[in-house]
Amino acid sequence: MRSFLFLLLLMPAAIVPANATPIAFLQTPVPDGADGPSLAVARVVGGILSYTRWPVEPGALRLCVAGAPRFAGGLATMPARAGRRTEIQTITGAPAVSVACNALYLGHLATDARARLLASTRGRPIVTIDEDDALCRAGAMFCLRVAAGGVAFELNLDAVSRSTVRVDPKVLLLSRPGGRS
């Protein structure tokens, strides 16, 4: 099974159907308290980013936040991974994405604004994570599902296969109880 998933993550875009169904994963528990969902989202996002390899590894990871996110408040609590700190900045348009970002976190956006932002990442080494795409079909690589019981994510294989970043299949460990986060 692990070999199969590895092949899926590295599969060229020509083989992955455009209407491919995203792969859903189990939940990461939400800590108690009002900021619990945001902290759980930060753990999941940090885990996803730790399993991502860029063509040229950035010294500092630039995580851009666009739209009106509900759960991005905890992103500043993400620990440095492999000695690489994360810089978080808010952006307002597509030109900023291609210049300033290694990762893009999307909150609530109008459909056309989301489409423009995601289109600006194509062919660029940018991980895309969306917290507001119920079907995970707008084009982000990862779609978050936040509920009272936990945070889950879906992996959009088509978006991953078209990206210039490589996502290690070990990202699937995030979906296991007790998995690395």
Protein backbone atom coordinates (compact mmCIF):
# COMPACT_ATOMS: atom_id res chain seq x y z
CA MET A 1 0.00 0.00 0.00
CA ARG A 2 2.78 2.44 0.91
CA SER A 3 4.50 1.87 -2.47
CA PHE A 4 1.22 2.50 -4.26
CA LEU A 5 0.69 5.80 -2.43
CA PHE A 6 4.29 6.81 -3.16
CA LEU A 7 3.68 6.23 -6.86
CA LEU A 8 0.47 8.25 -6.71
CA LEU A 9 2.31 11.20 -5.17
CA LEU A 10 4.94 11.17 -7.91
CA MET A 11 2.56 10.40 -10.78
CA PRO A 12 2.73 12.82 -13.72
CA ALA A 13 -0.29 15.05 -14.30
CA ALA A 14 -1.09 13.35 -17.61
CA ILE A 15 -1.97 10.15 -15.78
CA VAL A 16 -4.04 11.67 -12.97
CA PRO A 17 -7.58 12.50 -14.15
CA ALA A 18 -8.57 16.15 -13.79
CA ASN A 19 -11.67 15.14 -11.86
CA ALA A 20 -9.79 12.79 -9.53
CA THR A 21 -11.37 12.37 -6.12
CA PRO A 22 -9.15 13.68 -3.33
CA ILE A 23 -7.84 11.24 -0.73
CA ALA A 24 -9.21 11.94 2.77
CA PHE A 25 -7.30 11.26 5.97
CA LEU A 26 -8.14 10.70 9.62
CA GLN A 27 -8.32 13.44 12.20
CA THR A 28 -5.72 15.07 14.42
CA PRO A 29 -7.30 15.78 17.84
CA VAL A 30 -8.23 19.35 18.76
CA PRO A 31 -6.83 20.59 22.10
CA ASP A 32 -9.26 22.00 24.66
CA GLY A 33 -9.91 25.72 24.68
CA ALA A 34 -11.09 28.40 22.30
CA ASP A 35 -7.83 28.39 20.35
CA GLY A 36 -7.77 24.56 20.13
CA PRO A 37 -8.87 24.32 16.47
CA SER A 38 -6.26 26.90 15.40
CA LEU A 39 -3.51 25.07 17.29
CA ALA A 40 -4.54 21.74 15.73
CA VAL A 41 -4.54 23.35 12.28
CA ALA A 42 -1.04 24.71 12.97
CA ARG A 43 0.16 21.19 13.89
CA VAL A 44 -1.28 19.73 10.69
CA VAL A 45 0.07 22.55 8.49
CA GLY A 46 3.49 22.31 10.15
CA GLY A 47 3.50 18.57 9.56
CA ILE A 48 2.54 18.96 5.90
CA LEU A 49 5.29 21.52 5.37
CA SER A 50 7.86 19.33 7.12
CA TYR A 51 7.21 16.57 4.56
CA THR A 52 7.59 18.93 1.59
CA ARG A 53 10.78 19.41 -0.41
CA TRP A 54 11.31 22.44 -2.61
CA PRO A 55 13.58 22.41 -5.68
CA VAL A 56 15.76 24.91 -3.80
CA GLU A 57 15.24 24.63 -0.04
CA PRO A 58 14.34 28.04 1.43
CA GLY A 59 16.36 29.28 4.40
CA ALA A 60 13.18 30.67 5.95
CA LEU A 61 9.85 29.26 4.87
CA ARG A 62 7.52 32.04 3.74
CA LEU A 63 3.91 31.05 4.49
CA CYS A 64 1.44 33.47 2.94
CA VAL A 65 -2.13 33.74 4.20
CA ALA A 66 -4.87 34.98 1.89
CA GLY A 67 -8.57 35.62 2.31
CA ALA A 68 -10.39 35.49 5.62
CA PRO A 69 -9.09 32.39 7.40
CA ARG A 70 -10.91 31.09 10.46
CA PHE A 71 -8.12 28.87 11.77
CA ALA A 72 -4.82 30.57 10.83
CA GLY A 73 -4.36 32.15 14.28
CA GLY A 74 -2.19 29.30 15.53
CA LEU A 75 0.19 29.29 12.56
CA ALA A 76 2.61 31.56 14.44
CA THR A 77 3.02 28.78 17.01
CA MET A 78 4.50 26.31 14.50
CA PRO A 79 7.96 25.25 15.65
CA ALA A 80 10.97 25.64 13.38
CA ARG A 81 11.54 22.49 11.34
CA ALA A 82 15.06 21.28 10.55
CA GLY A 83 16.44 24.64 11.64
CA ARG A 84 14.17 26.53 9.24
CA ARG A 85 11.96 29.23 10.72
CA THR A 86 8.58 30.12 9.25
CA GLU A 87 7.70 33.69 8.32
CA ILE A 88 3.98 34.35 8.05
CA GLN A 89 2.60 37.20 6.01
CA THR A 90 -0.81 38.24 4.75
CA ILE A 91 -1.18 38.84 1.02
CA THR A 92 -3.99 40.32 -1.01
CA GLY A 93 -3.36 39.29 -4.61
CA ALA A 94 -1.91 36.81 -7.07
CA PRO A 95 1.25 38.78 -8.00
CA ALA A 96 2.44 38.64 -4.39
CA VAL A 97 2.07 34.84 -4.27
CA SER A 98 4.53 34.07 -7.05
CA VAL A 99 7.19 36.37 -5.62
CA ALA A 100 6.80 36.09 -1.87
CA CYS A 101 5.54 32.62 -0.95
CA ASN A 102 6.83 29.07 -0.46
CA ALA A 103 3.41 28.03 0.87
CA LEU A 104 -0.04 29.54 0.52
CA TYR A 105 -2.78 29.12 3.15
CA LEU A 106 -6.23 30.06 1.85
CA GLY A 107 -9.10 31.17 4.04
CA HIS A 108 -12.57 32.15 2.86
CA LEU A 109 -12.39 33.80 -0.58
CA ALA A 110 -14.71 34.51 -3.47
CA THR A 111 -14.53 31.73 -6.05
CA ASP A 112 -12.85 33.90 -8.70
CA ALA A 113 -10.25 35.27 -6.24
CA ARG A 114 -9.42 31.71 -5.10
CA ALA A 115 -9.07 30.60 -8.72
CA ARG A 116 -6.70 33.51 -9.52
CA LEU A 117 -4.51 32.82 -6.49
CA LEU A 118 -4.29 29.09 -7.20
CA ALA A 119 -3.61 29.73 -10.90
CA SER A 120 -0.70 31.97 -9.92
CA THR A 121 0.95 29.03 -8.11
CA ARG A 122 0.95 26.64 -11.08
CA GLY A 123 4.44 25.75 -12.19
CA ARG A 124 5.93 27.41 -9.11
CA PRO A 125 7.35 25.76 -5.99
CA ILE A 126 4.44 26.69 -3.73
CA VAL A 127 2.50 24.35 -1.42
CA THR A 128 -1.20 25.25 -1.33
CA ILE A 129 -3.43 24.57 1.68
CA ASP A 130 -7.11 25.52 1.72
CA GLU A 131 -9.38 25.63 4.77
CA ASP A 132 -12.52 26.56 2.83
CA ASP A 133 -12.94 24.17 -0.11
CA ALA A 134 -15.63 21.66 0.84
CA LEU A 135 -15.03 19.39 -2.16
CA CYS A 136 -11.25 19.92 -2.44
CA ARG A 137 -11.59 20.57 -6.14
CA ALA A 138 -10.62 24.23 -6.47
CA GLY A 139 -7.00 23.22 -7.04
CA ALA A 140 -5.19 23.39 -3.69
CA MET A 141 -2.84 20.51 -2.84
CA PHE A 142 -4.26 20.05 0.68
CA CYS A 143 -7.75 20.85 1.98
CA LEU A 144 -8.36 21.05 5.71
CA ARG A 145 -11.48 19.79 7.47
CA VAL A 146 -11.88 21.35 10.89
CA ALA A 147 -14.51 19.93 13.25
CA ALA A 148 -15.01 19.85 17.00
CA GLY A 149 -13.46 16.38 17.18
CA GLY A 150 -10.38 17.08 15.12
CA VAL A 151 -8.64 18.41 12.06
CA ALA A 152 -8.44 16.22 8.97
CA PHE A 153 -7.01 16.94 5.55
CA GLU A 154 -7.56 15.78 2.01
CA LEU A 155 -4.78 15.41 -0.51
CA ASN A 156 -5.55 16.51 -4.06
CA LEU A 157 -3.33 14.17 -6.10
CA ASP A 158 -3.86 16.14 -9.29
CA ALA A 159 -2.60 19.36 -7.69
CA VAL A 160 0.34 17.56 -6.05
CA SER A 161 1.37 15.89 -9.30
CA ARG A 162 1.36 19.24 -11.16
CA SER A 163 3.46 20.97 -8.52
CA THR A 164 7.21 21.54 -8.65
CA VAL A 165 7.50 20.69 -4.94
CA ARG A 166 7.70 17.09 -3.79
CA VAL A 167 5.55 15.83 -0.96
CA ASP A 168 7.04 12.85 0.83
CA PRO A 169 4.51 10.00 1.13
CA LYS A 170 5.29 9.99 4.86
CA VAL A 171 2.85 12.91 5.07
CA LEU A 172 0.31 10.10 5.35
CA LEU A 173 1.66 9.44 8.86
CA LEU A 174 -0.04 12.65 9.96
CA SER A 175 -3.33 10.87 9.52
CA ARG A 176 -2.52 8.11 12.00
CA PRO A 177 -3.29 8.39 15.69
CA GLY A 178 0.00 9.22 17.38
CA GLY A 179 1.55 10.12 14.02
CA ARG A 180 4.19 12.81 13.77
CA SER A 181 2.82 16.33 13.79
